[in-house]
Amino acid sequence: MGGSVTRERCFNHALREAVARCPRCRRTFCRECVTEHDDRVVCAACLKSLMSLDRPARRRLAVLSSCFRAALALLVAWLFFYSLGRALVAVPTPFHEGTLWEESAGGEE
């Protein structure tokens, strides 16, 4: 394997000239079979395994994000109902007892 990468053939396509060697599996690949990930060139199989390693971290982040959104929604709902309760408490007593309407109706007669 001491030869140049360009003299070797693609692992997936035997008729194509290799342009890169995957640092993980050490196989050579053509331009169509490699991609850049984290500033390095890797093959599709190694990229898939790298992505599967990242899934638990992403799942934990998604769970934490969902919990944060649920807590935020509860906080917003609590603030809404707290403000509504404070507004209702601030309403004058005659309005609650219905005597406000009687007073205004009695003034017209």
N, C-alpha and C. Protein backbone atom coordinates (compact mmCIF):
# COMPACT_ATOMS: atom_id res chain seq x y z
N MET A 1 0.81 -1.19 0.00
CA MET A 1 0.00 0.00 0.00
C MET A 1 0.85 1.26 0.00
N GLY A 2 2.09 1.13 -0.32
CA GLY A 2 2.95 2.27 -0.32
C GLY A 2 2.79 3.14 -1.54
N GLY A 3 1.99 2.68 -2.54
CA GLY A 3 1.82 3.42 -3.78
C GLY A 3 0.92 4.62 -3.63
N SER A 4 0.87 5.41 -4.68
CA SER A 4 0.04 6.60 -4.70
C SER A 4 -1.43 6.22 -4.74
N VAL A 5 -2.28 7.07 -4.17
CA VAL A 5 -3.72 6.82 -4.17
C VAL A 5 -4.25 6.83 -5.60
N THR A 6 -3.67 7.63 -6.45
CA THR A 6 -4.19 7.75 -7.82
C THR A 6 -3.95 6.49 -8.65
N ARG A 7 -3.05 5.65 -8.23
CA ARG A 7 -2.83 4.40 -8.96
C ARG A 7 -3.79 3.31 -8.52
N GLU A 8 -4.49 3.56 -7.44
CA GLU A 8 -5.43 2.57 -6.93
C GLU A 8 -6.82 2.84 -7.50
N ARG A 9 -7.69 1.89 -7.33
CA ARG A 9 -9.06 1.98 -7.84
C ARG A 9 -10.04 2.16 -6.68
N CYS A 10 -11.20 2.70 -7.02
CA CYS A 10 -12.26 2.92 -6.04
C CYS A 10 -12.73 1.57 -5.49
N PHE A 11 -12.97 1.53 -4.19
CA PHE A 11 -13.44 0.31 -3.55
C PHE A 11 -14.81 -0.11 -4.08
N ASN A 12 -15.68 0.88 -4.37
CA ASN A 12 -17.03 0.60 -4.86
C ASN A 12 -17.11 0.48 -6.38
N HIS A 13 -16.25 1.17 -7.09
CA HIS A 13 -16.29 1.20 -8.56
C HIS A 13 -14.91 0.80 -9.09
N ALA A 14 -14.77 -0.42 -9.51
CA ALA A 14 -13.46 -0.96 -9.91
C ALA A 14 -12.88 -0.26 -11.13
N LEU A 15 -13.69 0.35 -11.97
CA LEU A 15 -13.19 0.99 -13.17
C LEU A 15 -12.79 2.45 -12.95
N ARG A 16 -13.07 2.99 -11.78
CA ARG A 16 -12.76 4.40 -11.51
C ARG A 16 -11.47 4.53 -10.71
N GLU A 17 -10.76 5.59 -10.97
CA GLU A 17 -9.52 5.89 -10.28
C GLU A 17 -9.84 6.46 -8.90
N ALA A 18 -9.10 6.04 -7.90
CA ALA A 18 -9.31 6.54 -6.53
C ALA A 18 -8.70 7.93 -6.38
N VAL A 19 -9.38 8.77 -5.62
CA VAL A 19 -8.88 10.13 -5.37
C VAL A 19 -8.65 10.39 -3.89
N ALA A 20 -9.17 9.52 -3.03
CA ALA A 20 -9.02 9.75 -1.59
C ALA A 20 -9.04 8.43 -0.84
N ARG A 21 -8.42 8.46 0.34
CA ARG A 21 -8.42 7.29 1.22
C ARG A 21 -9.19 7.68 2.49
N CYS A 22 -10.14 6.85 2.86
CA CYS A 22 -10.92 7.10 4.07
C CYS A 22 -10.01 6.87 5.28
N PRO A 23 -9.94 7.82 6.19
CA PRO A 23 -9.05 7.67 7.35
C PRO A 23 -9.54 6.62 8.35
N ARG A 24 -10.79 6.26 8.30
CA ARG A 24 -11.32 5.27 9.24
C ARG A 24 -11.12 3.84 8.76
N CYS A 25 -11.56 3.55 7.54
CA CYS A 25 -11.47 2.18 7.04
C CYS A 25 -10.24 1.93 6.18
N ARG A 26 -9.53 3.00 5.83
CA ARG A 26 -8.30 2.93 5.04
C ARG A 26 -8.51 2.44 3.61
N ARG A 27 -9.72 2.44 3.11
CA ARG A 27 -10.01 2.05 1.72
C ARG A 27 -9.92 3.29 0.83
N THR A 28 -9.70 3.06 -0.45
CA THR A 28 -9.63 4.17 -1.41
C THR A 28 -10.95 4.28 -2.15
N PHE A 29 -11.30 5.54 -2.51
CA PHE A 29 -12.59 5.80 -3.14
C PHE A 29 -12.47 6.87 -4.22
N CYS A 30 -13.44 6.86 -5.16
CA CYS A 30 -13.51 7.90 -6.19
C CYS A 30 -14.20 9.13 -5.61
N ARG A 31 -14.33 10.17 -6.40
CA ARG A 31 -14.93 11.43 -5.94
C ARG A 31 -16.39 11.26 -5.50
N GLU A 32 -17.11 10.39 -6.15
CA GLU A 32 -18.53 10.22 -5.84
C GLU A 32 -18.77 9.44 -4.55
N CYS A 33 -17.78 8.71 -4.10
CA CYS A 33 -17.98 7.83 -2.95
C CYS A 33 -17.49 8.43 -1.62
N VAL A 34 -16.91 9.61 -1.65
CA VAL A 34 -16.44 10.22 -0.41
C VAL A 34 -17.16 11.54 -0.18
N THR A 35 -17.18 11.94 1.07
CA THR A 35 -17.79 13.21 1.43
C THR A 35 -17.00 13.82 2.59
N GLU A 36 -17.16 15.11 2.80
CA GLU A 36 -16.44 15.78 3.88
C GLU A 36 -17.30 15.83 5.13
N HIS A 37 -16.71 15.46 6.25
CA HIS A 37 -17.40 15.49 7.54
C HIS A 37 -16.38 15.89 8.60
N ASP A 38 -16.68 16.93 9.36
CA ASP A 38 -15.77 17.44 10.39
C ASP A 38 -14.38 17.70 9.84
N ASP A 39 -14.32 18.36 8.70
CA ASP A 39 -13.06 18.76 8.06
C ASP A 39 -12.18 17.57 7.67
N ARG A 40 -12.79 16.45 7.38
CA ARG A 40 -12.03 15.32 6.85
C ARG A 40 -12.90 14.57 5.85
N VAL A 41 -12.25 13.87 4.94
CA VAL A 41 -12.95 13.14 3.88
C VAL A 41 -13.17 11.71 4.36
N VAL A 42 -14.43 11.25 4.35
CA VAL A 42 -14.76 9.88 4.78
C VAL A 42 -15.69 9.24 3.75
N CYS A 43 -15.72 7.91 3.76
CA CYS A 43 -16.62 7.20 2.84
C CYS A 43 -18.02 7.15 3.43
N ALA A 44 -18.99 6.73 2.63
CA ALA A 44 -20.39 6.72 3.06
C ALA A 44 -20.62 5.76 4.23
N ALA A 45 -19.97 4.60 4.21
CA ALA A 45 -20.15 3.62 5.29
C ALA A 45 -19.63 4.17 6.62
N CYS A 46 -18.47 4.79 6.58
CA CYS A 46 -17.91 5.37 7.80
C CYS A 46 -18.72 6.58 8.27
N LEU A 47 -19.23 7.35 7.33
CA LEU A 47 -20.09 8.49 7.69
C LEU A 47 -21.34 8.00 8.39
N LYS A 48 -21.90 6.91 7.90
CA LYS A 48 -23.11 6.34 8.52
C LYS A 48 -22.80 5.89 9.94
N SER A 49 -21.67 5.26 10.16
CA SER A 49 -21.32 4.82 11.51
C SER A 49 -21.02 6.01 12.42
N LEU A 50 -20.42 7.07 11.86
CA LEU A 50 -20.19 8.29 12.65
C LEU A 50 -21.51 8.93 13.07
N MET A 51 -22.46 8.94 12.17
CA MET A 51 -23.76 9.54 12.47
C MET A 51 -24.51 8.73 13.51
N SER A 52 -24.38 7.41 13.47
CA SER A 52 -25.08 6.58 14.46
C SER A 52 -24.47 6.78 15.85
N LEU A 53 -23.19 7.13 15.91
CA LEU A 53 -22.58 7.41 17.21
C LEU A 53 -23.11 8.71 17.80
N ASP A 54 -23.51 9.66 16.96
CA ASP A 54 -24.02 10.95 17.42
C ASP A 54 -25.48 10.89 17.84
N ARG A 55 -26.18 9.82 17.52
CA ARG A 55 -27.62 9.75 17.80
C ARG A 55 -27.97 9.83 19.28
N PRO A 56 -27.30 9.09 20.19
CA PRO A 56 -27.67 9.21 21.60
C PRO A 56 -27.55 10.64 22.12
N ALA A 57 -26.52 11.35 21.71
CA ALA A 57 -26.36 12.74 22.15
C ALA A 57 -27.49 13.60 21.60
N ARG A 58 -27.85 13.37 20.34
CA ARG A 58 -28.95 14.14 19.75
C ARG A 58 -30.27 13.80 20.41
N ARG A 59 -30.46 12.53 20.76
CA ARG A 59 -31.71 12.12 21.41
C ARG A 59 -31.82 12.79 22.78
N ARG A 60 -30.71 12.84 23.54
CA ARG A 60 -30.73 13.50 24.84
C ARG A 60 -31.03 14.99 24.68
N LEU A 61 -30.44 15.59 23.67
CA LEU A 61 -30.69 17.00 23.42
C LEU A 61 -32.16 17.24 23.05
N ALA A 62 -32.73 16.35 22.26
CA ALA A 62 -34.14 16.48 21.88
C ALA A 62 -35.05 16.33 23.10
N VAL A 63 -34.72 15.40 23.99
CA VAL A 63 -35.53 15.21 25.20
C VAL A 63 -35.43 16.44 26.09
N LEU A 64 -34.21 16.96 26.27
CA LEU A 64 -34.05 18.16 27.08
C LEU A 64 -34.78 19.35 26.47
N SER A 65 -34.72 19.45 25.15
CA SER A 65 -35.43 20.53 24.47
C SER A 65 -36.94 20.41 24.67
N SER A 66 -37.46 19.21 24.57
CA SER A 66 -38.90 19.00 24.78
C SER A 66 -39.30 19.34 26.21
N CYS A 67 -38.49 18.93 27.17
CA CYS A 67 -38.78 19.24 28.57
C CYS A 67 -38.75 20.76 28.81
N PHE A 68 -37.78 21.42 28.22
CA PHE A 68 -37.69 22.87 28.37
C PHE A 68 -38.92 23.56 27.77
N ARG A 69 -39.34 23.09 26.58
CA ARG A 69 -40.53 23.70 25.95
C ARG A 69 -41.78 23.45 26.78
N ALA A 70 -41.90 22.25 27.37
CA ALA A 70 -43.07 21.95 28.20
C ALA A 70 -43.07 22.83 29.45
N ALA A 71 -41.90 23.00 30.08
CA ALA A 71 -41.81 23.86 31.26
C ALA A 71 -42.13 25.31 30.90
N LEU A 72 -41.64 25.75 29.76
CA LEU A 72 -41.93 27.11 29.32
C LEU A 72 -43.43 27.30 29.05
N ALA A 73 -44.06 26.30 28.44
CA ALA A 73 -45.50 26.38 28.18
C ALA A 73 -46.29 26.44 29.49
N LEU A 74 -45.87 25.63 30.47
CA LEU A 74 -46.54 25.68 31.78
C LEU A 74 -46.35 27.04 32.45
N LEU A 75 -45.18 27.59 32.34
CA LEU A 75 -44.92 28.92 32.91
C LEU A 75 -45.78 29.98 32.25
N VAL A 76 -45.90 29.94 30.93
CA VAL A 76 -46.72 30.92 30.22
C VAL A 76 -48.19 30.75 30.60
N ALA A 77 -48.66 29.51 30.69
CA ALA A 77 -50.06 29.27 31.09
C ALA A 77 -50.30 29.77 32.52
N TRP A 78 -49.35 29.48 33.42
CA TRP A 78 -49.50 29.94 34.80
C TRP A 78 -49.54 31.47 34.86
N LEU A 79 -48.64 32.14 34.13
CA LEU A 79 -48.65 33.60 34.11
C LEU A 79 -49.95 34.16 33.57
N PHE A 80 -50.49 33.51 32.53
CA PHE A 80 -51.76 33.96 31.96
C PHE A 80 -52.88 33.87 32.98
N PHE A 81 -53.02 32.70 33.62
CA PHE A 81 -54.12 32.53 34.57
C PHE A 81 -53.90 33.34 35.85
N TYR A 82 -52.65 33.53 36.27
CA TYR A 82 -52.36 34.37 37.41
C TYR A 82 -52.77 35.81 37.11
N SER A 83 -52.42 36.30 35.94
CA SER A 83 -52.79 37.67 35.56
C SER A 83 -54.30 37.81 35.44
N LEU A 84 -54.95 36.81 34.89
CA LEU A 84 -56.42 36.83 34.79
C LEU A 84 -57.05 36.87 36.18
N GLY A 85 -56.53 36.08 37.11
CA GLY A 85 -57.05 36.09 38.48
C GLY A 85 -56.84 37.43 39.16
N ARG A 86 -55.65 38.02 38.97
CA ARG A 86 -55.38 39.34 39.55
C ARG A 86 -56.33 40.39 38.98
N ALA A 87 -56.62 40.29 37.68
CA ALA A 87 -57.54 41.25 37.06
C ALA A 87 -58.95 41.08 37.62
N LEU A 88 -59.36 39.84 37.83
CA LEU A 88 -60.70 39.61 38.39
C LEU A 88 -60.80 40.08 39.83
N VAL A 89 -59.74 39.93 40.59
CA VAL A 89 -59.74 40.41 41.97
C VAL A 89 -59.80 41.93 42.01
N ALA A 90 -59.24 42.58 41.01
CA ALA A 90 -59.23 44.04 40.98
C ALA A 90 -60.58 44.64 40.58
N VAL A 91 -61.48 43.81 40.09
CA VAL A 91 -62.81 44.31 39.70
C VAL A 91 -63.57 44.68 40.97
N PRO A 92 -64.30 45.82 40.99
CA PRO A 92 -65.01 46.27 42.21
C PRO A 92 -66.07 45.26 42.66
N THR A 93 -66.32 45.24 43.97
CA THR A 93 -67.27 44.31 44.58
C THR A 93 -68.69 44.46 44.02
N PRO A 94 -69.19 45.67 43.80
CA PRO A 94 -70.56 45.77 43.26
C PRO A 94 -70.70 45.07 41.90
N PHE A 95 -69.65 45.01 41.15
CA PHE A 95 -69.72 44.32 39.86
C PHE A 95 -69.91 42.83 40.08
N HIS A 96 -69.21 42.25 41.08
CA HIS A 96 -69.33 40.82 41.37
C HIS A 96 -70.71 40.47 41.89
N GLU A 97 -71.28 41.34 42.73
CA GLU A 97 -72.57 41.04 43.36
C GLU A 97 -73.74 41.33 42.43
N GLY A 98 -73.50 41.98 41.35
CA GLY A 98 -74.58 42.31 40.42
C GLY A 98 -75.31 43.58 40.79
N THR A 99 -74.92 44.22 41.87
CA THR A 99 -75.62 45.43 42.29
C THR A 99 -75.24 46.63 41.43
N LEU A 100 -74.13 46.54 40.74
CA LEU A 100 -73.72 47.63 39.85
C LEU A 100 -74.77 47.82 38.76
N TRP A 101 -75.30 46.74 38.23
CA TRP A 101 -76.30 46.81 37.16
C TRP A 101 -77.63 47.32 37.72
N GLU A 102 -77.92 46.93 38.95
CA GLU A 102 -79.18 47.39 39.56
C GLU A 102 -79.13 48.90 39.81
N GLU A 103 -77.97 49.37 40.24
CA GLU A 103 -77.82 50.80 40.50
C GLU A 103 -77.95 51.60 39.21
N SER A 104 -77.36 51.13 38.14
CA SER A 104 -77.42 51.86 36.88
C SER A 104 -78.83 51.76 36.28
N ALA A 105 -79.51 50.65 36.45
CA ALA A 105 -80.87 50.52 35.95
C ALA A 105 -81.83 51.34 36.80
N GLY A 106 -81.60 51.41 38.12
CA GLY A 106 -82.47 52.16 39.01
C GLY A 106 -82.35 53.66 38.80
N GLY A 107 -81.24 54.13 38.34
CA GLY A 107 -81.02 55.55 38.11
C GLY A 107 -81.80 56.05 36.92
N GLU A 108 -82.17 55.15 36.00
CA GLU A 108 -82.87 55.56 34.79
C GLU A 108 -84.36 55.69 35.02
N GLU A 109 -84.89 55.06 36.04
CA GLU A 109 -86.35 55.10 36.25
C GLU A 109 -86.83 56.36 36.86
